[in-house]
N, C-alpha and C. Protein backbone atom coordinates (compact mmCIF):
# COMPACT_ATOMS: atom_id res chain seq x y z
N MET A 1 -23.30 -10.45 -22.31
CA MET A 1 -22.24 -9.89 -21.51
C MET A 1 -21.18 -9.30 -22.45
N ALA A 2 -20.65 -8.15 -22.10
CA ALA A 2 -19.61 -7.50 -22.90
C ALA A 2 -18.30 -8.26 -22.78
N THR A 3 -17.51 -8.14 -23.81
CA THR A 3 -16.20 -8.78 -23.80
C THR A 3 -15.14 -7.70 -23.69
N SER A 4 -14.27 -7.83 -22.71
CA SER A 4 -13.20 -6.85 -22.53
C SER A 4 -12.19 -6.98 -23.66
N PRO A 5 -11.86 -5.88 -24.34
CA PRO A 5 -10.89 -5.95 -25.44
C PRO A 5 -9.46 -6.12 -24.95
N TYR A 6 -9.24 -6.02 -23.65
CA TYR A 6 -7.88 -6.06 -23.13
C TYR A 6 -7.46 -7.45 -22.68
N LEU A 7 -8.24 -8.46 -22.97
CA LEU A 7 -7.88 -9.81 -22.57
C LEU A 7 -7.05 -10.52 -23.61
N ILE A 8 -6.85 -9.92 -24.76
CA ILE A 8 -6.12 -10.61 -25.82
C ILE A 8 -4.61 -10.51 -25.64
N TYR A 9 -4.13 -9.73 -24.71
CA TYR A 9 -2.71 -9.61 -24.48
C TYR A 9 -2.39 -10.33 -23.19
N SER A 10 -1.31 -11.04 -23.16
CA SER A 10 -0.98 -11.68 -21.91
C SER A 10 0.24 -12.57 -22.07
N ASP A 11 0.63 -13.14 -20.96
CA ASP A 11 1.66 -14.15 -21.04
C ASP A 11 1.03 -15.42 -21.60
N LYS A 12 1.84 -16.41 -21.85
CA LYS A 12 1.36 -17.61 -22.50
C LYS A 12 0.36 -18.40 -21.67
N SER A 13 0.30 -18.17 -20.37
CA SER A 13 -0.59 -18.95 -19.52
C SER A 13 -2.02 -18.42 -19.51
N GLN A 14 -2.23 -17.23 -19.98
CA GLN A 14 -3.58 -16.65 -19.99
C GLN A 14 -4.22 -16.88 -21.36
N LEU A 15 -5.39 -17.41 -21.38
CA LEU A 15 -6.09 -17.68 -22.63
C LEU A 15 -7.20 -16.68 -22.84
N LYS A 16 -7.46 -16.33 -24.11
CA LYS A 16 -8.51 -15.37 -24.41
C LYS A 16 -9.88 -15.83 -23.92
N ASP A 17 -10.13 -17.13 -23.92
CA ASP A 17 -11.44 -17.62 -23.56
C ASP A 17 -11.53 -18.11 -22.10
N ASP A 18 -10.56 -17.74 -21.30
CA ASP A 18 -10.57 -18.11 -19.88
C ASP A 18 -11.68 -17.33 -19.19
N SER A 19 -12.64 -18.03 -18.59
CA SER A 19 -13.80 -17.36 -18.00
C SER A 19 -13.45 -16.48 -16.81
N VAL A 20 -12.45 -16.85 -16.02
CA VAL A 20 -12.04 -16.03 -14.88
C VAL A 20 -11.42 -14.73 -15.38
N ASP A 21 -10.52 -14.82 -16.35
CA ASP A 21 -9.92 -13.61 -16.91
C ASP A 21 -10.99 -12.74 -17.56
N GLN A 22 -11.95 -13.36 -18.21
CA GLN A 22 -13.03 -12.62 -18.84
C GLN A 22 -13.83 -11.86 -17.79
N TYR A 23 -14.14 -12.51 -16.68
CA TYR A 23 -14.89 -11.87 -15.61
C TYR A 23 -14.11 -10.69 -15.03
N ILE A 24 -12.83 -10.89 -14.77
CA ILE A 24 -11.99 -9.81 -14.24
C ILE A 24 -11.99 -8.63 -15.20
N GLY A 25 -11.80 -8.92 -16.48
CA GLY A 25 -11.77 -7.86 -17.48
C GLY A 25 -13.08 -7.11 -17.60
N ASP A 26 -14.17 -7.84 -17.49
CA ASP A 26 -15.48 -7.21 -17.63
C ASP A 26 -15.94 -6.45 -16.39
N HIS A 27 -15.46 -6.86 -15.20
CA HIS A 27 -16.04 -6.32 -13.96
C HIS A 27 -15.07 -5.58 -13.04
N SER A 28 -13.78 -5.74 -13.22
CA SER A 28 -12.90 -5.07 -12.25
C SER A 28 -11.69 -4.38 -12.86
N LEU A 29 -11.40 -4.60 -14.11
CA LEU A 29 -10.22 -3.99 -14.70
C LEU A 29 -10.42 -2.48 -14.82
N ARG A 30 -9.50 -1.72 -14.26
CA ARG A 30 -9.57 -0.26 -14.27
C ARG A 30 -8.28 0.27 -14.90
N LEU A 31 -8.37 0.70 -16.13
CA LEU A 31 -7.19 1.19 -16.84
C LEU A 31 -7.28 2.69 -17.05
N THR A 32 -6.14 3.35 -16.91
CA THR A 32 -6.06 4.77 -17.24
C THR A 32 -5.96 4.90 -18.76
N PRO A 33 -6.20 6.09 -19.29
CA PRO A 33 -6.02 6.27 -20.74
C PRO A 33 -4.60 5.94 -21.20
N GLU A 34 -3.61 6.23 -20.36
CA GLU A 34 -2.23 5.94 -20.73
C GLU A 34 -1.97 4.43 -20.76
N GLN A 35 -2.54 3.70 -19.82
CA GLN A 35 -2.40 2.25 -19.83
C GLN A 35 -3.05 1.66 -21.08
N LYS A 36 -4.24 2.13 -21.41
CA LYS A 36 -4.93 1.65 -22.60
C LYS A 36 -4.09 1.91 -23.85
N GLU A 37 -3.53 3.11 -23.92
CA GLU A 37 -2.72 3.46 -25.09
C GLU A 37 -1.47 2.57 -25.17
N LEU A 38 -0.85 2.28 -24.03
CA LEU A 38 0.32 1.40 -24.04
C LEU A 38 -0.04 -0.01 -24.50
N ILE A 39 -1.17 -0.51 -24.06
CA ILE A 39 -1.61 -1.84 -24.49
C ILE A 39 -1.84 -1.84 -26.00
N GLU A 40 -2.54 -0.83 -26.49
CA GLU A 40 -2.83 -0.75 -27.91
C GLU A 40 -1.55 -0.59 -28.73
N TYR A 41 -0.62 0.22 -28.24
CA TYR A 41 0.67 0.39 -28.91
C TYR A 41 1.42 -0.94 -28.97
N THR A 42 1.44 -1.66 -27.86
CA THR A 42 2.16 -2.94 -27.80
C THR A 42 1.60 -3.90 -28.84
N GLN A 43 0.29 -3.88 -29.05
CA GLN A 43 -0.33 -4.76 -30.03
C GLN A 43 0.12 -4.47 -31.46
N THR A 44 0.62 -3.27 -31.71
CA THR A 44 1.05 -2.91 -33.07
C THR A 44 2.49 -3.33 -33.36
N LEU A 45 3.20 -3.80 -32.36
CA LEU A 45 4.61 -4.15 -32.54
C LEU A 45 4.75 -5.43 -33.37
N PRO A 46 5.90 -5.58 -34.03
CA PRO A 46 6.06 -6.70 -34.96
C PRO A 46 6.20 -8.07 -34.30
N GLY A 47 5.86 -9.09 -35.06
CA GLY A 47 6.10 -10.47 -34.66
C GLY A 47 5.43 -10.86 -33.37
N LYS A 48 6.19 -11.53 -32.52
CA LYS A 48 5.67 -12.03 -31.25
C LYS A 48 5.91 -11.07 -30.10
N VAL A 49 6.41 -9.90 -30.39
CA VAL A 49 6.69 -8.91 -29.35
C VAL A 49 5.46 -8.63 -28.48
N PRO A 50 4.24 -8.49 -29.06
CA PRO A 50 3.08 -8.23 -28.21
C PRO A 50 2.82 -9.32 -27.17
N LEU A 51 3.25 -10.52 -27.43
CA LEU A 51 3.04 -11.61 -26.47
C LEU A 51 3.89 -11.45 -25.21
N MET A 52 4.88 -10.56 -25.26
CA MET A 52 5.74 -10.33 -24.09
C MET A 52 5.09 -9.41 -23.07
N LEU A 53 3.99 -8.77 -23.42
CA LEU A 53 3.29 -7.92 -22.46
C LEU A 53 2.81 -8.78 -21.30
N GLY A 54 3.10 -8.34 -20.11
CA GLY A 54 2.69 -9.08 -18.92
C GLY A 54 1.18 -9.15 -18.79
N ASN A 55 0.72 -10.02 -17.96
CA ASN A 55 -0.71 -10.22 -17.73
C ASN A 55 -1.31 -8.95 -17.12
N ILE A 56 -2.29 -8.39 -17.79
CA ILE A 56 -2.90 -7.13 -17.37
C ILE A 56 -3.64 -7.27 -16.04
N ASN A 57 -4.31 -8.38 -15.86
CA ASN A 57 -5.02 -8.61 -14.60
C ASN A 57 -4.03 -8.73 -13.44
N ALA A 58 -2.92 -9.40 -13.68
CA ALA A 58 -1.89 -9.54 -12.64
C ALA A 58 -1.29 -8.18 -12.30
N ALA A 59 -1.09 -7.34 -13.31
CA ALA A 59 -0.53 -6.01 -13.06
C ALA A 59 -1.47 -5.20 -12.17
N GLN A 60 -2.76 -5.32 -12.41
CA GLN A 60 -3.73 -4.62 -11.56
C GLN A 60 -3.66 -5.16 -10.14
N PHE A 61 -3.51 -6.47 -10.00
CA PHE A 61 -3.37 -7.08 -8.68
C PHE A 61 -2.10 -6.59 -7.99
N PHE A 62 -1.02 -6.41 -8.75
CA PHE A 62 0.22 -5.85 -8.18
C PHE A 62 -0.07 -4.51 -7.52
N GLN A 63 -0.91 -3.69 -8.17
CA GLN A 63 -1.24 -2.39 -7.60
C GLN A 63 -1.88 -2.54 -6.22
N VAL A 64 -2.79 -3.48 -6.10
CA VAL A 64 -3.46 -3.72 -4.82
C VAL A 64 -2.42 -4.13 -3.77
N LEU A 65 -1.56 -5.07 -4.12
CA LEU A 65 -0.53 -5.53 -3.18
C LEU A 65 0.42 -4.41 -2.77
N LEU A 66 0.86 -3.62 -3.74
CA LEU A 66 1.79 -2.53 -3.44
C LEU A 66 1.16 -1.52 -2.48
N ARG A 67 -0.10 -1.22 -2.67
CA ARG A 67 -0.79 -0.28 -1.79
C ARG A 67 -0.98 -0.87 -0.39
N LEU A 68 -1.35 -2.14 -0.34
CA LEU A 68 -1.52 -2.80 0.97
C LEU A 68 -0.23 -2.85 1.76
N MET A 69 0.88 -3.02 1.05
CA MET A 69 2.19 -3.13 1.69
C MET A 69 2.84 -1.76 1.92
N ASN A 70 2.19 -0.69 1.48
CA ASN A 70 2.75 0.66 1.58
C ASN A 70 4.13 0.75 0.95
N CYS A 71 4.29 0.12 -0.19
CA CYS A 71 5.59 0.12 -0.89
C CYS A 71 5.94 1.51 -1.37
N LYS A 72 7.22 1.81 -1.28
CA LYS A 72 7.73 3.08 -1.81
C LYS A 72 8.76 2.87 -2.89
N ARG A 73 9.37 1.68 -2.94
CA ARG A 73 10.40 1.41 -3.94
C ARG A 73 10.18 0.04 -4.57
N CYS A 74 10.36 -0.01 -5.88
CA CYS A 74 10.21 -1.27 -6.62
C CYS A 74 11.28 -1.37 -7.70
N ILE A 75 11.59 -2.60 -8.06
CA ILE A 75 12.46 -2.89 -9.20
C ILE A 75 11.70 -3.79 -10.15
N GLU A 76 11.75 -3.46 -11.43
CA GLU A 76 11.15 -4.30 -12.45
C GLU A 76 12.25 -4.70 -13.43
N VAL A 77 12.34 -5.97 -13.72
CA VAL A 77 13.32 -6.47 -14.69
C VAL A 77 12.54 -6.90 -15.93
N GLY A 78 12.82 -6.24 -17.04
CA GLY A 78 12.12 -6.49 -18.29
C GLY A 78 10.98 -5.52 -18.45
N CYS A 79 11.15 -4.51 -19.26
CA CYS A 79 10.21 -3.39 -19.35
C CYS A 79 9.33 -3.43 -20.60
N LEU A 80 9.87 -3.88 -21.71
CA LEU A 80 9.22 -3.88 -23.03
C LEU A 80 8.73 -2.48 -23.38
N THR A 81 7.42 -2.22 -23.30
CA THR A 81 6.89 -0.90 -23.64
C THR A 81 6.70 -0.01 -22.42
N GLY A 82 6.77 -0.60 -21.23
CA GLY A 82 6.62 0.17 -20.00
C GLY A 82 5.26 0.07 -19.36
N TYR A 83 4.43 -0.89 -19.81
CA TYR A 83 3.09 -1.02 -19.25
C TYR A 83 3.11 -1.36 -17.75
N THR A 84 3.84 -2.40 -17.39
CA THR A 84 3.88 -2.79 -15.97
C THR A 84 4.58 -1.72 -15.15
N THR A 85 5.60 -1.11 -15.71
CA THR A 85 6.28 -0.01 -15.02
C THR A 85 5.29 1.10 -14.70
N LEU A 86 4.50 1.49 -15.67
CA LEU A 86 3.49 2.52 -15.47
C LEU A 86 2.47 2.09 -14.42
N THR A 87 2.01 0.85 -14.52
CA THR A 87 1.01 0.35 -13.59
C THR A 87 1.53 0.35 -12.16
N ILE A 88 2.76 -0.07 -11.97
CA ILE A 88 3.38 -0.06 -10.64
C ILE A 88 3.55 1.38 -10.16
N ALA A 89 4.06 2.24 -11.02
CA ALA A 89 4.31 3.63 -10.64
C ALA A 89 3.02 4.32 -10.20
N LEU A 90 1.92 4.00 -10.84
CA LEU A 90 0.63 4.60 -10.48
C LEU A 90 0.18 4.18 -9.08
N ALA A 91 0.68 3.06 -8.59
CA ALA A 91 0.29 2.57 -7.26
C ALA A 91 1.19 3.09 -6.15
N LEU A 92 2.32 3.67 -6.51
CA LEU A 92 3.27 4.15 -5.51
C LEU A 92 2.87 5.53 -5.01
N PRO A 93 3.27 5.87 -3.79
CA PRO A 93 3.00 7.23 -3.29
C PRO A 93 3.82 8.26 -4.05
N ASP A 94 3.52 9.53 -3.83
CA ASP A 94 4.23 10.60 -4.55
C ASP A 94 5.73 10.55 -4.37
N ASP A 95 6.20 10.08 -3.21
CA ASP A 95 7.64 9.99 -2.98
C ASP A 95 8.19 8.60 -3.32
N GLY A 96 7.39 7.79 -4.01
CA GLY A 96 7.82 6.44 -4.39
C GLY A 96 8.75 6.47 -5.59
N GLN A 97 9.39 5.33 -5.83
CA GLN A 97 10.35 5.22 -6.93
C GLN A 97 10.33 3.81 -7.49
N ILE A 98 10.33 3.71 -8.82
CA ILE A 98 10.49 2.42 -9.47
C ILE A 98 11.71 2.50 -10.37
N VAL A 99 12.51 1.45 -10.33
CA VAL A 99 13.65 1.30 -11.22
C VAL A 99 13.31 0.16 -12.15
N THR A 100 13.38 0.40 -13.44
CA THR A 100 13.08 -0.65 -14.41
C THR A 100 14.29 -0.88 -15.30
N LEU A 101 14.53 -2.13 -15.63
CA LEU A 101 15.70 -2.52 -16.41
C LEU A 101 15.26 -3.29 -17.65
N ASP A 102 15.91 -3.02 -18.75
CA ASP A 102 15.69 -3.80 -19.96
C ASP A 102 16.97 -3.74 -20.79
N VAL A 103 17.15 -4.72 -21.65
CA VAL A 103 18.35 -4.74 -22.48
C VAL A 103 18.25 -3.76 -23.64
N ASP A 104 17.04 -3.29 -23.93
CA ASP A 104 16.83 -2.41 -25.07
C ASP A 104 15.65 -1.48 -24.76
N ASP A 105 15.80 -0.20 -25.04
CA ASP A 105 14.70 0.74 -24.77
C ASP A 105 13.94 1.11 -26.04
N GLN A 106 14.07 0.29 -27.05
CA GLN A 106 13.50 0.54 -28.35
C GLN A 106 11.99 0.80 -28.32
N TYR A 107 11.27 0.08 -27.48
CA TYR A 107 9.81 0.17 -27.48
C TYR A 107 9.22 0.93 -26.29
N ILE A 108 10.05 1.38 -25.37
CA ILE A 108 9.55 2.03 -24.15
C ILE A 108 8.89 3.36 -24.48
N ARG A 109 7.69 3.57 -23.95
CA ARG A 109 6.93 4.80 -24.19
C ARG A 109 6.99 5.71 -22.97
N LYS A 110 8.13 6.35 -22.77
CA LYS A 110 8.30 7.26 -21.63
C LYS A 110 7.37 8.45 -21.73
N ASP A 111 6.94 8.81 -22.94
CA ASP A 111 6.01 9.91 -23.10
C ASP A 111 4.69 9.64 -22.36
N LEU A 112 4.29 8.39 -22.34
CA LEU A 112 3.05 8.05 -21.63
C LEU A 112 3.25 8.06 -20.13
N TRP A 113 4.46 7.72 -19.67
CA TRP A 113 4.76 7.84 -18.23
C TRP A 113 4.62 9.31 -17.83
N LYS A 114 5.17 10.19 -18.67
CA LYS A 114 5.13 11.62 -18.37
C LYS A 114 3.67 12.12 -18.36
N ARG A 115 2.91 11.72 -19.37
CA ARG A 115 1.51 12.15 -19.44
C ARG A 115 0.71 11.66 -18.24
N ALA A 116 1.07 10.48 -17.73
CA ALA A 116 0.37 9.93 -16.56
C ALA A 116 0.86 10.56 -15.26
N GLY A 117 1.93 11.37 -15.34
CA GLY A 117 2.44 12.05 -14.15
C GLY A 117 3.35 11.22 -13.29
N VAL A 118 3.98 10.19 -13.86
CA VAL A 118 4.84 9.32 -13.06
C VAL A 118 6.25 9.20 -13.62
N ASP A 119 6.66 10.13 -14.48
CA ASP A 119 8.00 10.04 -15.06
C ASP A 119 9.04 10.39 -14.02
């Protein structure tokens, strides 16, 4: 069985060898090129910063919930590189809006939001 390369990033509760996360990564994770690039970029950041990236499987689940609820507006607190912001924005309708807040925009990749068409 293939191993998803995107399971190594997560919050502290997700383990690389968790069989459920492995299954999700291998069989249902659907990432855009921009999402993949954001994950890879986050991994290059210094120290423990990459560990602040939210759970990728949970972010995908957020997309399902947002679509089911027909959400048009969201707020995200804590942006880091903008991965979850991008993931949420991709699930919103064309007239949707996400507001994201962070104490520092040092690592945010707005260029990838633009490339994904959600800036």
